[in-house]
């Protein structure tokens, strides 16, 4: 991943496709914008996002983005980490 990194202990929890999608979501792409850039259909990305939500136990895309920052999948500012703690975003 170009702008993020993967924690070794959790590397096998997400597939490479899910990791790539997670990075795109963290960068602010909508699924329909990410699909052609990733060479996949919107429906495929929807299924991968549903899988991400199930694995992470997040209930929204915003929560998923915060989860990614808090769990080291995406480099974000310290303020995002603090906000996530306040919001009670689940951590693995």
Protein backbone atom coordinates (compact mmCIF):
# COMPACT_ATOMS: atom_id res chain seq x y z
CA UNK A 1 0.00 0.00 0.00
CA UNK A 2 1.41 3.35 -0.92
CA UNK A 3 0.06 5.60 1.84
CA UNK A 4 -0.61 3.08 4.59
CA UNK A 5 0.99 0.08 6.22
CA UNK A 6 -0.08 -3.29 7.53
CA UNK A 7 0.54 -4.50 11.06
CA UNK A 8 2.28 -7.89 10.95
CA UNK A 9 -0.02 -9.52 13.53
CA UNK A 10 -3.12 -8.71 11.47
CA UNK A 11 -1.72 -9.16 7.96
CA UNK A 12 -3.70 -12.35 7.31
CA UNK A 13 -7.04 -10.99 8.54
CA UNK A 14 -7.69 -8.97 5.36
CA UNK A 15 -7.17 -10.06 1.77
CA UNK A 16 -4.94 -8.00 -0.54
CA UNK A 17 -8.08 -6.86 -2.39
CA UNK A 18 -9.71 -5.74 0.88
CA UNK A 19 -6.54 -3.90 1.87
CA UNK A 20 -6.44 -2.09 -1.47
CA UNK A 21 -10.09 -1.10 -1.12
CA UNK A 22 -9.54 0.04 2.46
CA UNK A 23 -6.78 2.35 1.27
CA UNK A 24 -9.00 3.78 -1.48
CA UNK A 25 -11.81 4.38 1.03
CA UNK A 26 -9.39 6.10 3.41
CA UNK A 27 -8.33 8.38 0.58
CA UNK A 28 -11.95 9.43 0.12
CA UNK A 29 -12.93 7.47 -3.00
CA UNK A 30 -16.51 6.30 -3.43
CA UNK A 31 -16.95 2.70 -4.62
CA UNK A 32 -18.00 3.84 -8.10
CA UNK A 33 -14.86 5.98 -8.35
CA UNK A 34 -12.58 3.24 -7.04
CA UNK A 35 -13.97 0.47 -9.28
CA UNK A 36 -12.40 1.58 -12.60
CA UNK A 37 -9.14 2.54 -10.88
CA UNK A 38 -8.92 -0.95 -9.37
CA UNK A 39 -10.14 -2.73 -12.50
CA UNK A 40 -13.13 -4.23 -10.71
CA UNK A 41 -16.88 -3.85 -10.84
CA UNK A 42 -18.80 -1.74 -8.36
CA UNK A 43 -20.62 -4.86 -7.13
CA UNK A 44 -17.32 -6.64 -6.41
CA UNK A 45 -16.15 -3.70 -4.35
CA UNK A 46 -19.50 -3.61 -2.55
CA UNK A 47 -19.02 -7.25 -1.54
CA UNK A 48 -15.46 -6.53 -0.38
CA UNK A 49 -16.64 -3.53 1.61
CA UNK A 50 -19.34 -5.64 3.26
CA UNK A 51 -16.63 -8.13 4.18
CA UNK A 52 -14.49 -5.33 5.64
CA UNK A 53 -17.43 -4.09 7.69
CA UNK A 54 -18.13 -7.60 9.00
CA UNK A 55 -14.48 -8.33 9.88
CA UNK A 56 -13.94 -4.97 11.58
CA UNK A 57 -17.40 -4.80 13.17
CA UNK A 58 -17.78 -1.24 11.88
CA UNK A 59 -21.24 0.10 11.08
CA UNK A 60 -20.35 2.92 8.68
CA UNK A 61 -17.67 3.97 6.21
CA UNK A 62 -16.60 6.73 8.57
CA UNK A 63 -16.14 4.23 11.37
CA UNK A 64 -14.22 1.97 8.96
CA UNK A 65 -11.84 4.80 8.08
CA UNK A 66 -11.26 5.58 11.73
CA UNK A 67 -10.72 1.87 12.43
CA UNK A 68 -8.10 1.75 9.66
CA UNK A 69 -6.18 4.64 11.22
CA UNK A 70 -6.44 3.29 14.77
CA UNK A 71 -5.32 -0.19 13.80
CA UNK A 72 -2.36 0.93 11.70
CA UNK A 73 -3.73 0.08 8.27
CA UNK A 74 -3.58 3.69 7.17
CA UNK A 75 -1.31 6.51 8.35
CA UNK A 76 -3.47 9.29 9.68
CA UNK A 77 -3.03 12.23 11.98
CA UNK A 78 -3.00 11.72 15.72
CA UNK A 79 -6.26 13.66 15.94
CA UNK A 80 -8.04 10.84 14.07
CA UNK A 81 -6.81 8.30 16.59
CA UNK A 82 -7.99 10.45 19.49
CA UNK A 83 -11.40 10.95 17.87
CA UNK A 84 -11.76 7.21 17.30
CA UNK A 85 -11.06 6.50 20.96
CA UNK A 86 -13.71 9.03 21.96
CA UNK A 87 -16.21 7.46 19.53
CA UNK A 88 -15.50 3.96 20.81
CA UNK A 89 -14.50 2.47 17.45
CA UNK A 90 -13.81 -1.27 17.95
CA UNK A 91 -10.20 -2.43 17.71
CA UNK A 92 -8.96 -5.93 16.90
